[in-house]
Amino acid sequence: MLYIDTSVIVKLYIKEEHSLAVSNWLKKNNEAIPLTAFHELEFNNAINLKEFRGEITADEIRQIITKFDEHKNIGVFYRPQINWTDTFKYAVDLSKKYTGKMGSRSLDILHVASALLIKTDRFFTLDERQSKLAALSGMENIGIRAE
């Protein structure tokens, strides 16, 4: 099973570096993407920050949200069962074990903990430290090559 970091999901809806490669890889993979409340918070915050920074307009946000909702309705995403108390406990353990050695950020740790608790074996991120944490936690890293 595959877990995808929110930054990868954002690239599906906003043209950024690696957006085409991410889209092509996910089309080839053809696997439903787990979507947690944490993903939704980060996704909505990311696109609203882009509006705040003047990178996109309110109309573009509406279009993005419409497409995102459409994708949720047709099965691009699925909702795994997440016990957030267990997720945070596991994240604390990961932090104690790895942050002092590799500088992991809290939100990255929460993604890795979430992925592990829903029993994914593959982790897709473009963040080097998060990728390393996922690998140290036993997941295969999915990367993309520039196209």
Protein backbone atom coordinates (compact mmCIF):
# COMPACT_ATOMS: atom_id res chain seq x y z
CA MET A 1 0.00 0.00 0.00
CA LEU A 2 1.16 3.52 -0.83
CA TYR A 3 1.20 6.62 1.40
CA ILE A 4 1.68 10.05 -0.17
CA ASP A 5 2.90 13.17 1.59
CA THR A 6 0.65 16.22 1.20
CA SER A 7 3.29 18.13 -0.76
CA VAL A 8 2.97 15.48 -3.49
CA ILE A 9 -0.83 15.80 -3.48
CA VAL A 10 -0.52 19.59 -3.87
CA LYS A 11 1.56 19.05 -7.02
CA LEU A 12 -1.40 17.25 -8.58
CA TYR A 13 -3.50 20.42 -8.37
CA ILE A 14 -1.00 23.27 -8.68
CA LYS A 15 1.66 23.39 -11.36
CA GLU A 16 5.00 23.31 -9.56
CA GLU A 17 8.38 21.72 -10.11
CA HIS A 18 7.89 17.94 -10.51
CA SER A 19 4.10 18.24 -10.97
CA LEU A 20 4.16 16.46 -14.34
CA ALA A 21 6.41 13.68 -13.08
CA VAL A 22 4.24 13.17 -9.98
CA SER A 23 1.07 13.05 -12.08
CA ASN A 24 2.58 10.59 -14.57
CA TRP A 25 3.88 8.32 -11.80
CA LEU A 26 0.53 8.23 -10.02
CA LYS A 27 -1.32 7.48 -13.27
CA LYS A 28 1.00 4.54 -13.93
CA ASN A 29 0.66 3.34 -10.33
CA ASN A 30 -3.16 3.47 -10.48
CA GLU A 31 -3.66 2.98 -6.75
CA ALA A 32 -6.09 4.84 -4.49
CA ILE A 33 -4.35 7.36 -2.24
CA PRO A 34 -4.96 7.39 1.51
CA LEU A 35 -6.37 10.74 2.57
CA THR A 36 -6.49 11.63 6.25
CA ALA A 37 -7.85 14.69 8.03
CA PHE A 38 -4.20 15.70 8.44
CA HIS A 39 -3.72 15.63 4.64
CA GLU A 40 -6.82 17.77 4.18
CA LEU A 41 -5.65 20.33 6.73
CA GLU A 42 -2.24 20.60 5.08
CA PHE A 43 -3.72 20.67 1.56
CA ASN A 44 -6.19 23.43 2.35
CA ASN A 45 -3.59 25.39 4.26
CA ALA A 46 -1.07 25.07 1.40
CA ILE A 47 -3.43 26.41 -1.24
CA ASN A 48 -4.70 29.20 1.01
CA LEU A 49 -1.10 30.20 1.74
CA LYS A 50 -0.56 30.43 -2.00
CA GLU A 51 -3.48 32.87 -2.19
CA PHE A 52 -2.06 34.88 0.71
CA ARG A 53 1.31 35.08 -1.10
CA GLY A 54 -0.39 36.19 -4.33
CA GLU A 55 0.60 32.99 -6.18
CA ILE A 56 -3.00 31.99 -7.00
CA THR A 57 -6.41 33.67 -6.94
CA ALA A 58 -9.57 32.89 -4.99
CA ASP A 59 -11.16 31.68 -8.27
CA GLU A 60 -8.26 29.27 -8.79
CA ILE A 61 -8.72 27.97 -5.25
CA ARG A 62 -12.40 27.30 -5.94
CA GLN A 63 -11.43 25.37 -9.08
CA ILE A 64 -8.80 23.38 -7.17
CA ILE A 65 -11.22 22.52 -4.35
CA THR A 66 -13.89 21.48 -6.87
CA LYS A 67 -11.43 19.14 -8.62
CA PHE A 68 -10.14 17.81 -5.27
CA ASP A 69 -13.71 17.09 -4.10
CA GLU A 70 -14.48 15.43 -7.42
CA HIS A 71 -11.42 13.18 -7.00
CA LYS A 72 -12.55 12.26 -3.48
CA ASN A 73 -15.97 11.29 -4.83
CA ILE A 74 -14.69 9.09 -7.68
CA GLY A 75 -12.23 7.08 -5.60
CA VAL A 76 -8.87 8.69 -6.34
CA PHE A 77 -8.57 8.91 -2.55
CA TYR A 78 -9.80 6.68 0.24
CA ARG A 79 -10.22 7.31 3.97
CA PRO A 80 -8.14 4.95 6.11
CA GLN A 81 -9.10 4.44 9.74
CA ILE A 82 -6.71 6.54 11.84
CA ASN A 83 -6.48 6.45 15.61
CA TRP A 84 -4.94 9.86 16.26
CA THR A 85 -3.99 9.09 19.86
CA ASP A 86 -1.94 6.11 18.67
CA THR A 87 -0.53 8.15 15.79
CA PHE A 88 0.76 10.86 18.13
CA LYS A 89 2.21 8.28 20.53
CA TYR A 90 4.03 6.60 17.66
CA ALA A 91 5.20 10.00 16.38
CA VAL A 92 6.67 10.80 19.79
CA ASP A 93 8.57 7.50 19.70
CA LEU A 94 9.89 8.27 16.20
CA SER A 95 10.93 11.73 17.33
CA LYS A 96 12.84 10.39 20.31
CA LYS A 97 14.56 7.82 18.14
CA TYR A 98 15.47 9.88 15.05
CA THR A 99 15.11 13.67 15.38
CA GLY A 100 18.34 14.20 17.31
CA LYS A 101 20.23 12.34 14.58
CA MET A 102 18.58 13.68 11.46
CA GLY A 103 16.55 16.81 12.28
CA SER A 104 13.07 15.49 11.50
CA ARG A 105 10.22 17.99 11.59
CA SER A 106 7.06 17.28 13.59
CA LEU A 107 4.67 17.27 10.64
CA ASP A 108 6.94 14.94 8.67
CA ILE A 109 7.06 12.60 11.65
CA LEU A 110 3.25 12.63 11.85
CA HIS A 111 3.02 11.57 8.20
CA VAL A 112 5.47 8.71 8.72
CA ALA A 113 3.66 7.61 11.88
CA SER A 114 0.32 7.74 10.05
CA ALA A 115 1.71 5.68 7.18
CA LEU A 116 3.08 3.05 9.53
CA LEU A 117 -0.13 2.78 11.54
CA ILE A 118 -2.24 2.18 8.44
CA LYS A 119 0.32 -0.43 7.42
CA THR A 120 1.64 1.09 4.22
CA ASP A 121 4.87 -0.27 2.83
CA ARG A 122 5.66 2.50 0.34
CA PHE A 123 6.06 6.22 1.05
CA PHE A 124 6.03 8.95 -1.63
CA THR A 125 7.59 12.28 -0.71
CA LEU A 126 9.96 14.75 -2.33
CA ASP A 127 11.39 15.77 1.04
CA GLU A 128 14.81 14.24 1.67
CA ARG A 129 14.63 14.08 5.48
CA GLN A 130 11.11 12.70 5.45
CA SER A 131 12.17 10.13 2.88
CA LYS A 132 15.07 9.06 5.08
CA LEU A 133 12.79 8.78 8.13
CA ALA A 134 10.33 6.64 6.17
CA ALA A 135 13.16 4.37 5.02
CA LEU A 136 14.56 4.03 8.54
CA SER A 137 11.04 3.12 9.65
CA GLY A 138 10.93 0.26 7.15
CA MET A 139 9.08 1.69 4.17
CA GLU A 140 10.21 1.71 0.58
CA ASN A 141 10.73 5.23 -0.74
CA ILE A 142 9.08 6.26 -3.94
CA GLY A 143 10.96 8.90 -5.83
CA ILE A 144 10.62 10.49 -9.22
CA ARG A 145 13.13 11.36 -11.85
CA ALA A 146 13.08 14.66 -13.67
CA GLU A 147 11.21 14.40 -16.95
